[in-house]
């Protein structure tokens, strides 16, 4: 029934203006608005819907992963733009906040609504 539909993901934020500034200006993603909702236009033709929700509770899991070729350069640029990386108890992260064990190199951060995101580099 849905084999030929173009499905898309979505997530909630508490403030669409702050989300637009973060995703568009801080992270440099292309955004657009339609019917009071925001679209993130991600590489690979993966548009993602971002919608306001007054009683928003941040996702405690990673909602978006951004693969990069050089995680150190990405982390340095993000922190220069004011993004704070998350530190998890018991997770072996280096001084930059990058975990380098067990899989791809990965670092986590949040959007202004508290949703968890990551930047990762395949080994």
PDB file of N, CA and C in Angstrom:
ATOM      1  N   UNK A   1       0.812  -1.195   0.000  1.00  0.00           N
ATOM      2  CA  UNK A   1       0.000   0.000   0.000  1.00  0.00           C
ATOM      3  C   UNK A   1       0.858   1.263   0.000  1.00  0.00           C
ATOM      4  N   UNK A   2       1.996   1.257   0.736  1.00  0.00           N
ATOM      5  CA  UNK A   2       2.818   2.457   0.821  1.00  0.00           C
ATOM      6  C   UNK A   2       4.149   2.324   0.094  1.00  0.00           C
ATOM      7  N   UNK A   3       4.321   1.329  -0.722  1.00  0.00           N
ATOM      8  CA  UNK A   3       5.600   1.053  -1.368  1.00  0.00           C
ATOM      9  C   UNK A   3       6.103   2.212  -2.221  1.00  0.00           C
ATOM     10  N   UNK A   4       5.219   2.999  -2.786  1.00  0.00           N
ATOM     11  CA  UNK A   4       5.645   4.078  -3.678  1.00  0.00           C
ATOM     12  C   UNK A   4       5.407   5.466  -3.109  1.00  0.00           C
ATOM     13  N   UNK A   5       5.145   5.561  -1.812  1.00  0.00           N
ATOM     14  CA  UNK A   5       4.969   6.873  -1.206  1.00  0.00           C
ATOM     15  C   UNK A   5       6.306   7.381  -0.696  1.00  0.00           C
ATOM     16  N   UNK A   6       6.428   8.674  -0.618  1.00  0.00           N
ATOM     17  CA  UNK A   6       7.649   9.282  -0.092  1.00  0.00           C
ATOM     18  C   UNK A   6       7.409   9.619   1.377  1.00  0.00           C
ATOM     19  N   UNK A   7       7.736   8.686   2.244  1.00  0.00           N
ATOM     20  CA  UNK A   7       7.553   8.893   3.681  1.00  0.00           C
ATOM     21  C   UNK A   7       8.575   9.907   4.184  1.00  0.00           C
ATOM     22  N   UNK A   8       8.258  10.549   5.295  1.00  0.00           N
ATOM     23  CA  UNK A   8       9.182  11.499   5.896  1.00  0.00           C
ATOM     24  C   UNK A   8       9.050  11.420   7.404  1.00  0.00           C
ATOM     25  N   UNK A   9      10.094  11.862   8.074  1.00  0.00           N
ATOM     26  CA  UNK A   9      10.104  11.892   9.530  1.00  0.00           C
ATOM     27  C   UNK A   9       9.736  13.278  10.015  1.00  0.00           C
ATOM     28  N   UNK A  10       9.398  13.351  11.290  1.00  0.00           N
ATOM     29  CA  UNK A  10       9.106  14.640  11.895  1.00  0.00           C
ATOM     30  C   UNK A  10       9.376  14.585  13.385  1.00  0.00           C
ATOM     31  N   UNK A  11       9.560  15.757  13.964  1.00  0.00           N
ATOM     32  CA  UNK A  11       9.730  15.850  15.405  1.00  0.00           C
ATOM     33  C   UNK A  11       9.253  17.215  15.872  1.00  0.00           C
ATOM     34  N   UNK A  12       8.986  17.294  17.173  1.00  0.00           N
ATOM     35  CA  UNK A  12       8.419  18.507  17.770  1.00  0.00           C
ATOM     36  C   UNK A  12       9.493  19.365  18.421  1.00  0.00           C
ATOM     37  N   UNK A  13       9.205  20.652  18.483  1.00  0.00           N
ATOM     38  CA  UNK A  13      10.014  21.623  19.223  1.00  0.00           C
ATOM     39  C   UNK A  13       9.058  22.535  19.979  1.00  0.00           C
ATOM     40  N   UNK A  14       9.583  23.236  20.966  1.00  0.00           N
ATOM     41  CA  UNK A  14       8.731  24.141  21.732  1.00  0.00           C
ATOM     42  C   UNK A  14       8.692  25.548  21.149  1.00  0.00           C
ATOM     43  N   UNK A  15       9.653  25.900  20.288  1.00  0.00           N
ATOM     44  CA  UNK A  15       9.732  27.250  19.728  1.00  0.00           C
ATOM     45  C   UNK A  15      10.275  27.150  18.306  1.00  0.00           C
ATOM     46  N   UNK A  16       9.411  27.352  17.330  1.00  0.00           N
ATOM     47  CA  UNK A  16       9.781  27.189  15.935  1.00  0.00           C
ATOM     48  C   UNK A  16      10.797  28.242  15.486  1.00  0.00           C
ATOM     49  N   UNK A  17      10.708  29.462  15.996  1.00  0.00           N
ATOM     50  CA  UNK A  17      11.668  30.506  15.621  1.00  0.00           C
ATOM     51  C   UNK A  17      13.080  30.151  16.092  1.00  0.00           C
ATOM     52  N   UNK A  18      13.197  29.670  17.318  1.00  0.00           N
ATOM     53  CA  UNK A  18      14.519  29.262  17.820  1.00  0.00           C
ATOM     54  C   UNK A  18      15.042  28.056  17.044  1.00  0.00           C
ATOM     55  N   UNK A  19      14.146  27.129  16.715  1.00  0.00           N
ATOM     56  CA  UNK A  19      14.545  25.956  15.933  1.00  0.00           C
ATOM     57  C   UNK A  19      15.030  26.384  14.552  1.00  0.00           C
ATOM     58  N   UNK A  20      14.331  27.310  13.918  1.00  0.00           N
ATOM     59  CA  UNK A  20      14.715  27.785  12.592  1.00  0.00           C
ATOM     60  C   UNK A  20      16.106  28.414  12.634  1.00  0.00           C
ATOM     61  N   UNK A  21      16.370  29.232  13.642  1.00  0.00           N
ATOM     62  CA  UNK A  21      17.683  29.863  13.778  1.00  0.00           C
ATOM     63  C   UNK A  21      18.767  28.810  14.003  1.00  0.00           C
ATOM     64  N   UNK A  22      18.498  27.838  14.849  1.00  0.00           N
ATOM     65  CA  UNK A  22      19.487  26.811  15.154  1.00  0.00           C
ATOM     66  C   UNK A  22      19.789  25.949  13.930  1.00  0.00           C
ATOM     67  N   UNK A  23      18.752  25.387  13.334  1.00  0.00           N
ATOM     68  CA  UNK A  23      18.975  24.486  12.211  1.00  0.00           C
ATOM     69  C   UNK A  23      19.456  25.230  10.965  1.00  0.00           C
ATOM     70  N   UNK A  24      18.921  26.407  10.735  1.00  0.00           N
ATOM     71  CA  UNK A  24      19.289  27.161   9.541  1.00  0.00           C
ATOM     72  C   UNK A  24      20.590  27.924   9.662  1.00  0.00           C
ATOM     73  N   UNK A  25      20.776  28.626  10.778  1.00  0.00           N
ATOM     74  CA  UNK A  25      21.957  29.473  10.920  1.00  0.00           C
ATOM     75  C   UNK A  25      23.115  28.746  11.608  1.00  0.00           C
ATOM     76  N   UNK A  26      22.854  28.128  12.740  1.00  0.00           N
ATOM     77  CA  UNK A  26      23.931  27.474  13.489  1.00  0.00           C
ATOM     78  C   UNK A  26      24.451  26.238  12.767  1.00  0.00           C
ATOM     79  N   UNK A  27      23.536  25.376  12.290  1.00  0.00           N
ATOM     80  CA  UNK A  27      23.961  24.149  11.613  1.00  0.00           C
ATOM     81  C   UNK A  27      24.086  24.309  10.102  1.00  0.00           C
ATOM     82  N   UNK A  28      23.517  25.368   9.555  1.00  0.00           N
ATOM     83  CA  UNK A  28      23.648  25.635   8.126  1.00  0.00           C
ATOM     84  C   UNK A  28      22.782  24.792   7.217  1.00  0.00           C
ATOM     85  N   UNK A  29      21.675  24.285   7.747  1.00  0.00           N
ATOM     86  CA  UNK A  29      20.764  23.491   6.925  1.00  0.00           C
ATOM     87  C   UNK A  29      19.779  24.398   6.192  1.00  0.00           C
ATOM     88  N   UNK A  30      19.324  23.945   5.044  1.00  0.00           N
ATOM     89  CA  UNK A  30      18.295  24.677   4.310  1.00  0.00           C
ATOM     90  C   UNK A  30      16.948  24.368   4.959  1.00  0.00           C
ATOM     91  N   UNK A  31      16.196  25.407   5.245  1.00  0.00           N
ATOM     92  CA  UNK A  31      14.870  25.253   5.855  1.00  0.00           C
ATOM     93  C   UNK A  31      13.839  25.980   5.000  1.00  0.00           C
ATOM     94  N   UNK A  32      12.590  25.616   5.196  1.00  0.00           N
ATOM     95  CA  UNK A  32      11.483  26.341   4.573  1.00  0.00           C
ATOM     96  C   UNK A  32      10.271  26.212   5.487  1.00  0.00           C
ATOM     97  N   UNK A  33       9.280  27.033   5.226  1.00  0.00           N
ATOM     98  CA  UNK A  33       8.045  26.986   6.013  1.00  0.00           C
ATOM     99  C   UNK A  33       6.850  26.769   5.119  1.00  0.00           C
ATOM    100  N   UNK A  34       5.895  26.042   5.655  1.00  0.00           N
ATOM    101  CA  UNK A  34       4.642  25.794   4.952  1.00  0.00           C
ATOM    102  C   UNK A  34       3.564  25.534   5.993  1.00  0.00           C
ATOM    103  N   UNK A  35       2.496  26.308   5.951  1.00  0.00           N
ATOM    104  CA  UNK A  35       1.367  26.141   6.862  1.00  0.00           C
ATOM    105  C   UNK A  35       1.768  26.238   8.330  1.00  0.00           C
ATOM    106  N   UNK A  36       2.726  27.113   8.652  1.00  0.00           N
ATOM    107  CA  UNK A  36       3.153  27.283  10.031  1.00  0.00           C
ATOM    108  C   UNK A  36       4.042  26.164  10.550  1.00  0.00           C
ATOM    109  N   UNK A  37       4.558  25.343   9.655  1.00  0.00           N
ATOM    110  CA  UNK A  37       5.457  24.245  10.006  1.00  0.00           C
ATOM    111  C   UNK A  37       6.790  24.479   9.306  1.00  0.00           C
ATOM    112  N   UNK A  38       7.843  23.902   9.830  1.00  0.00           N
ATOM    113  CA  UNK A  38       9.157  24.063   9.219  1.00  0.00           C
ATOM    114  C   UNK A  38       9.612  22.739   8.618  1.00  0.00           C
ATOM    115  N   UNK A  39      10.278  22.847   7.496  1.00  0.00           N
ATOM    116  CA  UNK A  39      10.888  21.691   6.850  1.00  0.00           C
ATOM    117  C   UNK A  39      12.396  21.853   6.880  1.00  0.00           C
ATOM    118  N   UNK A  40      13.092  20.780   7.260  1.00  0.00           N
ATOM    119  CA  UNK A  40      14.537  20.708   7.109  1.00  0.00           C
ATOM    120  C   UNK A  40      14.784  19.952   5.811  1.00  0.00           C
ATOM    121  N   UNK A  41      15.555  20.546   4.930  1.00  0.00           N
ATOM    122  CA  UNK A  41      15.869  19.900   3.660  1.00  0.00           C
ATOM    123  C   UNK A  41      17.269  19.303   3.792  1.00  0.00           C
ATOM    124  N   UNK A  42      17.297  18.020   4.102  1.00  0.00           N
ATOM    125  CA  UNK A  42      18.538  17.321   4.385  1.00  0.00           C
ATOM    126  C   UNK A  42      19.096  16.692   3.112  1.00  0.00           C
ATOM    127  N   UNK A  43      20.412  16.506   3.090  1.00  0.00           N
ATOM    128  CA  UNK A  43      21.055  15.851   1.956  1.00  0.00           C
ATOM    129  C   UNK A  43      20.431  14.484   1.726  1.00  0.00           C
ATOM    130  N   UNK A  44      20.437  14.044   0.491  1.00  0.00           N
ATOM    131  CA  UNK A  44      19.862  12.740   0.171  1.00  0.00           C
ATOM    132  C   UNK A  44      18.362  12.798  -0.001  1.00  0.00           C
ATOM    133  N   UNK A  45      17.827  14.005  -0.189  1.00  0.00           N
ATOM    134  CA  UNK A  45      16.383  14.177  -0.391  1.00  0.00           C
ATOM    135  C   UNK A  45      15.587  13.630   0.786  1.00  0.00           C
ATOM    136  N   UNK A  46      16.048  13.954   1.995  1.00  0.00           N
ATOM    137  CA  UNK A  46      15.413  13.490   3.225  1.00  0.00           C
ATOM    138  C   UNK A  46      14.795  14.660   3.977  1.00  0.00           C
ATOM    139  N   UNK A  47      13.721  15.211   3.448  1.00  0.00           N
ATOM    140  CA  UNK A  47      13.050  16.299   4.143  1.00  0.00           C
ATOM    141  C   UNK A  47      12.463  15.803   5.456  1.00  0.00           C
ATOM    142  N   UNK A  48      12.580  16.632   6.478  1.00  0.00           N
ATOM    143  CA  UNK A  48      12.098  16.291   7.810  1.00  0.00           C
ATOM    144  C   UNK A  48      11.215  17.426   8.311  1.00  0.00           C
ATOM    145  N   UNK A  49      10.040  17.086   8.807  1.00  0.00           N
ATOM    146  CA  UNK A  49       9.081  18.058   9.317  1.00  0.00           C
ATOM    147  C   UNK A  49       9.405  18.416  10.758  1.00  0.00           C
ATOM    148  N   UNK A  50       9.405  19.708  11.065  1.00  0.00           N
ATOM    149  CA  UNK A  50       9.591  20.188  12.433  1.00  0.00           C
ATOM    150  C   UNK A  50       8.347  20.996  12.765  1.00  0.00           C
ATOM    151  N   UNK A  51       7.680  20.620  13.838  1.00  0.00           N
ATOM    152  CA  UNK A  51       6.406  21.256  14.166  1.00  0.00           C
ATOM    153  C   UNK A  51       6.400  21.734  15.615  1.00  0.00           C
ATOM    154  N   UNK A  52       5.689  22.839  15.860  1.00  0.00           N
ATOM    155  CA  UNK A  52       5.615  23.350  17.230  1.00  0.00           C
ATOM    156  C   UNK A  52       4.638  22.536  18.060  1.00  0.00           C
ATOM    157  N   UNK A  53       5.003  22.337  19.312  1.00  0.00           N
ATOM    158  CA  UNK A  53       4.138  21.609  20.241  1.00  0.00           C
ATOM    159  C   UNK A  53       4.263  22.296  21.600  1.00  0.00           C
ATOM    160  N   UNK A  54       3.219  22.963  22.053  1.00  0.00           N
ATOM    161  CA  UNK A  54       3.309  23.749  23.298  1.00  0.00           C
ATOM    162  C   UNK A  54       3.739  22.946  24.519  1.00  0.00           C
ATOM    163  N   UNK A  55       3.310  21.694  24.632  1.00  0.00           N
ATOM    164  CA  UNK A  55       3.682  20.877  25.793  1.00  0.00           C
ATOM    165  C   UNK A  55       4.822  19.925  25.440  1.00  0.00           C
ATOM    166  N   UNK A  56       5.706  20.385  24.564  1.00  0.00           N
ATOM    167  CA  UNK A  56       6.820  19.582  24.062  1.00  0.00           C
ATOM    168  C   UNK A  56       7.669  19.020  25.196  1.00  0.00           C
ATOM    169  N   UNK A  57       7.996  17.751  25.070  1.00  0.00           N
ATOM    170  CA  UNK A  57       8.977  17.101  25.953  1.00  0.00           C
ATOM    171  C   UNK A  57      10.112  16.640  25.042  1.00  0.00           C
ATOM    172  N   UNK A  58      11.350  17.030  25.325  1.00  0.00           N
ATOM    173  CA  UNK A  58      12.466  16.679  24.434  1.00  0.00           C
ATOM    174  C   UNK A  58      12.634  15.172  24.275  1.00  0.00           C
ATOM    175  N   UNK A  59      13.018  14.774  23.082  1.00  0.00           N
ATOM    176  CA  UNK A  59      13.337  13.372  22.842  1.00  0.00           C
ATOM    177  C   UNK A  59      14.605  13.028  23.611  1.00  0.00           C
ATOM    178  N   UNK A  60      14.597  11.914  24.298  1.00  0.00           N
ATOM    179  CA  UNK A  60      15.761  11.488  25.084  1.00  0.00           C
ATOM    180  C   UNK A  60      16.645  10.539  24.284  1.00  0.00           C
ATOM    181  N   UNK A  61      16.292  10.304  23.053  1.00  0.00           N
ATOM    182  CA  UNK A  61      17.055   9.464  22.137  1.00  0.00           C
ATOM    183  C   UNK A  61      17.498  10.340  20.966  1.00  0.00           C
ATOM    184  N   UNK A  62      18.412   9.855  20.172  1.00  0.00           N
ATOM    185  CA  UNK A  62      18.931  10.639  19.047  1.00  0.00           C
ATOM    186  C   UNK A  62      17.909  10.666  17.920  1.00  0.00           C
ATOM    187  N   UNK A  63      17.436  11.866  17.565  1.00  0.00           N
ATOM    188  CA  UNK A  63      16.416  11.985  16.525  1.00  0.00           C
ATOM    189  C   UNK A  63      16.998  12.216  15.137  1.00  0.00           C
ATOM    190  N   UNK A  64      18.196  12.806  15.069  1.00  0.00           N
ATOM    191  CA  UNK A  64      18.872  13.020  13.791  1.00  0.00           C
ATOM    192  C   UNK A  64      20.357  12.740  13.963  1.00  0.00           C
ATOM    193  N   UNK A  65      20.931  12.066  12.982  1.00  0.00           N
ATOM    194  CA  UNK A  65      22.362  11.800  12.948  1.00  0.00           C
ATOM    195  C   UNK A  65      22.928  12.460  11.691  1.00  0.00           C
ATOM    196  N   UNK A  66      24.005  13.201  11.853  1.00  0.00           N
ATOM    197  CA  UNK A  66      24.633  13.885  10.734  1.00  0.00           C
ATOM    198  C   UNK A  66      25.990  13.249  10.446  1.00  0.00           C
ATOM    199  N   UNK A  67      26.094  12.385   9.422  1.00  0.00           N
ATOM    200  CA  UNK A  67      27.381  11.803   9.062  1.00  0.00           C
ATOM    201  C   UNK A  67      28.299  12.875   8.468  1.00  0.00           C
ATOM    202  N   UNK A  68      29.568  12.832   8.862  1.00  0.00           N
ATOM    203  CA  UNK A  68      30.572  13.772   8.347  1.00  0.00           C
ATOM    204  C   UNK A  68      31.842  13.000   8.014  1.00  0.00           C
ATOM    205  N   UNK A  69      32.691  13.608   7.202  1.00  0.00           N
ATOM    206  CA  UNK A  69      33.973  13.000   6.856  1.00  0.00           C
ATOM    207  C   UNK A  69      35.016  13.232   7.932  1.00  0.00           C
ATOM    208  N   UNK A  70      34.898  14.354   8.666  1.00  0.00           N
ATOM    209  CA  UNK A  70      35.893  14.720   9.679  1.00  0.00           C
ATOM    210  C   UNK A  70      35.164  15.194  10.936  1.00  0.00           C
ATOM    211  N   UNK A  71      34.990  14.303  11.892  1.00  0.00           N
ATOM    212  CA  UNK A  71      34.217  14.635  13.090  1.00  0.00           C
ATOM    213  C   UNK A  71      34.899  15.714  13.922  1.00  0.00           C
ATOM    214  N   UNK A  72      36.220  15.702  13.964  1.00  0.00           N
ATOM    215  CA  UNK A  72      36.918  16.723  14.746  1.00  0.00           C
ATOM    216  C   UNK A  72      36.663  18.115  14.187  1.00  0.00           C
ATOM    217  N   UNK A  73      36.726  18.264  12.876  1.00  0.00           N
ATOM    218  CA  UNK A  73      36.443  19.558  12.253  1.00  0.00           C
ATOM    219  C   UNK A  73      34.987  19.967  12.485  1.00  0.00           C
ATOM    220  N   UNK A  74      34.065  19.004  12.381  1.00  0.00           N
ATOM    221  CA  UNK A  74      32.646  19.304  12.606  1.00  0.00           C
ATOM    222  C   UNK A  74      32.401  19.736  14.045  1.00  0.00           C
ATOM    223  N   UNK A  75      32.991  19.023  15.000  1.00  0.00           N
ATOM    224  CA  UNK A  75      32.830  19.371  16.414  1.00  0.00           C
ATOM    225  C   UNK A  75      33.431  20.741  16.694  1.00  0.00           C
ATOM    226  N   UNK A  76      34.616  21.003  16.150  1.00  0.00           N
ATOM    227  CA  UNK A  76      35.247  22.313  16.354  1.00  0.00           C
ATOM    228  C   UNK A  76      34.382  23.441  15.798  1.00  0.00           C
ATOM    229  N   UNK A  77      33.810  23.251  14.607  1.00  0.00           N
ATOM    230  CA  UNK A  77      32.957  24.281  14.011  1.00  0.00           C
ATOM    231  C   UNK A  77      31.673  24.465  14.816  1.00  0.00           C
ATOM    232  N   UNK A  78      31.079  23.365  15.254  1.00  0.00           N
ATOM    233  CA  UNK A  78      29.855  23.475  16.050  1.00  0.00           C
ATOM    234  C   UNK A  78      30.121  24.206  17.359  1.00  0.00           C
ATOM    235  N   UNK A  79      31.186  23.843  18.058  1.00  0.00           N
ATOM    236  CA  UNK A  79      31.462  24.507  19.334  1.00  0.00           C
ATOM    237  C   UNK A  79      31.801  25.974  19.118  1.00  0.00           C
ATOM    238  N   UNK A  80      32.465  26.296  18.010  1.00  0.00           N
ATOM    239  CA  UNK A  80      32.733  27.702  17.685  1.00  0.00           C
ATOM    240  C   UNK A  80      31.437  28.469  17.449  1.00  0.00           C
ATOM    241  N   UNK A  81      30.402  27.759  16.999  1.00  0.00           N
ATOM    242  CA  UNK A  81      29.082  28.377  16.773  1.00  0.00           C
ATOM    243  C   UNK A  81      28.195  28.323  18.016  1.00  0.00           C
ATOM    244  N   UNK A  82      28.752  27.905  19.158  1.00  0.00           N
ATOM    245  CA  UNK A  82      27.997  27.924  20.406  1.00  0.00           C
ATOM    246  C   UNK A  82      27.285  26.638  20.764  1.00  0.00           C
ATOM    247  N   UNK A  83      27.472  25.579  19.999  1.00  0.00           N
ATOM    248  CA  UNK A  83      26.833  24.297  20.300  1.00  0.00           C
ATOM    249  C   UNK A  83      27.625  23.605  21.402  1.00  0.00           C
ATOM    250  N   UNK A  84      26.925  23.170  22.439  1.00  0.00           N
ATOM    251  CA  UNK A  84      27.563  22.440  23.534  1.00  0.00           C
ATOM    252  C   UNK A  84      27.333  20.950  23.343  1.00  0.00           C
ATOM    253  N   UNK A  85      28.412  20.194  23.448  1.00  0.00           N
ATOM    254  CA  UNK A  85      28.301  18.746  23.306  1.00  0.00           C
ATOM    255  C   UNK A  85      27.867  18.119  24.618  1.00  0.00           C
ATOM    256  N   UNK A  86      27.114  17.045  24.510  1.00  0.00           N
ATOM    257  CA  UNK A  86      26.647  16.325  25.692  1.00  0.00           C
ATOM    258  C   UNK A  86      27.736  15.401  26.208  1.00  0.00           C
ATOM    259  N   UNK A  87      27.753  15.222  27.503  1.00  0.00           N
ATOM    260  CA  UNK A  87      28.648  14.264  28.150  1.00  0.00           C
ATOM    261  C   UNK A  87      27.762  13.262  28.882  1.00  0.00           C
ATOM    262  N   UNK A  88      28.010  11.996  28.661  1.00  0.00           N
ATOM    263  CA  UNK A  88      27.229  10.946  29.293  1.00  0.00           C
ATOM    264  C   UNK A  88      28.096  10.196  30.290  1.00  0.00           C
ATOM    265  N   UNK A  89      27.575   9.993  31.495  1.00  0.00           N
ATOM    266  CA  UNK A  89      28.285   9.209  32.503  1.00  0.00           C
ATOM    267  C   UNK A  89      28.514   7.800  31.979  1.00  0.00           C
ATOM    268  N   UNK A  90      29.722   7.304  32.157  1.00  0.00           N
ATOM    269  CA  UNK A  90      30.041   5.952  31.766  1.00  0.00           C
ATOM    270  C   UNK A  90      30.337   5.764  30.293  1.00  0.00           C
ATOM    271  N   UNK A  91      30.243   6.823  29.500  1.00  0.00           N
ATOM    272  CA  UNK A  91      30.551   6.739  28.077  1.00  0.00           C
ATOM    273  C   UNK A  91      31.948   7.311  27.859  1.00  0.00           C
ATOM    274  N   UNK A  92      32.845   6.544  27.264  1.00  0.00           N
ATOM    275  CA  UNK A  92      34.213   7.026  27.081  1.00  0.00           C
ATOM    276  C   UNK A  92      34.312   8.078  25.974  1.00  0.00           C
ATOM    277  N   UNK A  93      34.274   9.345  26.375  1.00  0.00           N
ATOM    278  CA  UNK A  93      34.361  10.453  25.431  1.00  0.00           C
ATOM    279  C   UNK A  93      35.671  11.197  25.667  1.00  0.00           C
ATOM    280  N   UNK A  94      36.275  11.693  24.589  1.00  0.00           N
ATOM    281  CA  UNK A  94      37.526  12.426  24.720  1.00  0.00           C
ATOM    282  C   UNK A  94      37.266  13.868  25.150  1.00  0.00           C
ATOM    283  N   UNK A  95      38.319  14.680  25.171  1.00  0.00           N
ATOM    284  CA  UNK A  95      38.192  16.066  25.643  1.00  0.00           C
ATOM    285  C   UNK A  95      37.248  16.897  24.782  1.00  0.00           C
ATOM    286  N   UNK A  96      37.031  16.495  23.535  1.00  0.00           N
ATOM    287  CA  UNK A  96      36.097  17.213  22.661  1.00  0.00           C
ATOM    288  C   UNK A  96      34.661  16.727  22.849  1.00  0.00           C
ATOM    289  N   UNK A  97      34.484  15.589  23.506  1.00  0.00           N
ATOM    290  CA  UNK A  97      33.160  14.999  23.669  1.00  0.00           C
ATOM    291  C   UNK A  97      32.863  13.910  22.663  1.00  0.00           C
ATOM    292  N   UNK A  98      33.893  13.456  21.951  1.00  0.00           N
ATOM    293  CA  UNK A  98      33.730  12.433  20.914  1.00  0.00           C
ATOM    294  C   UNK A  98      33.971  11.044  21.513  1.00  0.00           C
ATOM    295  N   UNK A  99      33.026  10.149  21.269  1.00  0.00           N
ATOM    296  CA  UNK A  99      33.210   8.751  21.661  1.00  0.00           C
ATOM    297  C   UNK A  99      33.832   8.029  20.470  1.00  0.00           C
ATOM    298  N   UNK A 100      34.918   7.316  20.722  1.00  0.00           N
ATOM    299  CA  UNK A 100      35.662   6.670  19.639  1.00  0.00           C
ATOM    300  C   UNK A 100      35.701   5.156  19.776  1.00  0.00           C
ATOM    301  N   UNK A 101      34.875   4.581  20.642  1.00  0.00           N
ATOM    302  CA  UNK A 101      34.908   3.136  20.877  1.00  0.00           C
ATOM    303  C   UNK A 101      33.637   2.458  20.377  1.00  0.00           C
ATOM    304  N   UNK A 102      33.801   1.254  19.821  1.00  0.00           N
ATOM    305  CA  UNK A 102      32.678   0.377  19.554  1.00  0.00           C
ATOM    306  C   UNK A 102      31.874   0.616  18.304  1.00  0.00           C
ATOM    307  N   UNK A 103      32.147   1.594  17.522  1.00  0.00           N
ATOM    308  CA  UNK A 103      31.359   1.872  16.324  1.00  0.00           C
ATOM    309  C   UNK A 103      31.885   3.120  15.663  1.00  0.00           C
ATOM    310  N   UNK A 104      31.018   3.848  14.996  1.00  0.00           N
ATOM    311  CA  UNK A 104      31.508   5.093  14.404  1.00  0.00           C
ATOM    312  C   UNK A 104      31.895   6.076  15.508  1.00  0.00           C
ATOM    313  N   UNK A 105      32.798   6.986  15.195  1.00  0.00           N
ATOM    314  CA  UNK A 105      33.071   8.084  16.112  1.00  0.00           C
ATOM    315  C   UNK A 105      31.793   8.910  16.179  1.00  0.00           C
ATOM    316  N   UNK A 106      31.404   9.320  17.380  1.00  0.00           N
ATOM    317  CA  UNK A 106      30.127  10.024  17.532  1.00  0.00           C
ATOM    318  C   UNK A 106      30.196  11.036  18.661  1.00  0.00           C
ATOM    319  N   UNK A 107      29.506  12.147  18.464  1.00  0.00           N
ATOM    320  CA  UNK A 107      29.359  13.170  19.504  1.00  0.00           C
ATOM    321  C   UNK A 107      27.905  13.627  19.484  1.00  0.00           C
ATOM    322  N   UNK A 108      27.342  13.834  20.670  1.00  0.00           N
ATOM    323  CA  UNK A 108      25.934  14.212  20.799  1.00  0.00           C
ATOM    324  C   UNK A 108      25.793  15.652  21.234  1.00  0.00           C
ATOM    325  N   UNK A 109      24.691  16.251  20.830  1.00  0.00           N
ATOM    326  CA  UNK A 109      24.349  17.613  21.220  1.00  0.00           C
ATOM    327  C   UNK A 109      22.839  17.752  21.162  1.00  0.00           C
ATOM    328  N   UNK A 110      22.315  18.878  21.614  1.00  0.00           N
ATOM    329  CA  UNK A 110      20.866  19.076  21.581  1.00  0.00           C
ATOM    330  C   UNK A 110      20.514  20.319  20.772  1.00  0.00           C
ATOM    331  N   UNK A 111      19.285  20.336  20.282  1.00  0.00           N
ATOM    332  CA  UNK A 111      18.752  21.552  19.669  1.00  0.00           C
ATOM    333  C   UNK A 111      18.192  22.425  20.791  1.00  0.00           C
ATOM    334  N   UNK A 112      17.730  23.640  20.498  1.00  0.00           N
ATOM    335  CA  UNK A 112      17.218  24.508  21.571  1.00  0.00           C
ATOM    336  C   UNK A 112      16.027  23.939  22.334  1.00  0.00           C
ATOM    337  N   UNK A 113      15.320  22.974  21.739  1.00  0.00           N
ATOM    338  CA  UNK A 113      14.184  22.347  22.417  1.00  0.00           C
ATOM    339  C   UNK A 113      14.615  21.170  23.278  1.00  0.00           C
ATOM    340  N   UNK A 114      15.908  20.835  23.261  1.00  0.00           N
ATOM    341  CA  UNK A 114      16.414  19.736  24.076  1.00  0.00           C
ATOM    342  C   UNK A 114      16.425  18.390  23.391  1.00  0.00           C
ATOM    343  N   UNK A 115      16.036  18.316  22.117  1.00  0.00           N
ATOM    344  CA  UNK A 115      16.079  17.058  21.369  1.00  0.00           C
ATOM    345  C   UNK A 115      17.533  16.677  21.109  1.00  0.00           C
ATOM    346  N   UNK A 116      17.839  15.387  21.228  1.00  0.00           N
ATOM    347  CA  UNK A 116      19.209  14.905  21.062  1.00  0.00           C
ATOM    348  C   UNK A 116      19.524  14.655  19.578  1.00  0.00           C
ATOM    349  N   UNK A 117      20.675  15.154  19.152  1.00  0.00           N
ATOM    350  CA  UNK A 117      21.180  14.993  17.794  1.00  0.00           C
ATOM    351  C   UNK A 117      22.601  14.457  17.884  1.00  0.00           C
ATOM    352  N   UNK A 118      23.143  13.976  16.775  1.00  0.00           N
ATOM    353  CA  UNK A 118      24.545  13.553  16.794  1.00  0.00           C
ATOM    354  C   UNK A 118      25.228  13.898  15.485  1.00  0.00           C
ATOM    355  N   UNK A 119      26.530  13.980  15.588  1.00  0.00           N
ATOM    356  CA  UNK A 119      27.400  14.055  14.430  1.00  0.00           C
ATOM    357  C   UNK A 119      28.273  12.808  14.529  1.00  0.00           C
ATOM    358  N   UNK A 120      28.464  12.114  13.394  1.00  0.00           N
ATOM    359  CA  UNK A 120      29.231  10.873  13.457  1.00  0.00           C
ATOM    360  C   UNK A 120      30.096  10.694  12.231  1.00  0.00           C
ATOM    361  N   UNK A 121      31.167   9.943  12.418  1.00  0.00           N
ATOM    362  CA  UNK A 121      32.104   9.643  11.343  1.00  0.00           C
ATOM    363  C   UNK A 121      32.357   8.147  11.327  1.00  0.00           C
ATOM    364  N   UNK A 122      32.140   7.523  10.172  1.00  0.00           N
ATOM    365  CA  UNK A 122      32.457   6.110  10.024  1.00  0.00           C
ATOM    366  C   UNK A 122      33.973   5.946  10.082  1.00  0.00           C
ATOM    367  N   UNK A 123      34.417   4.840  10.627  1.00  0.00           N
ATOM    368  CA  UNK A 123      35.865   4.576  10.712  1.00  0.00           C
ATOM    369  C   UNK A 123      36.432   4.185   9.378  1.00  0.00           C
TER     370      UNK A 123
END
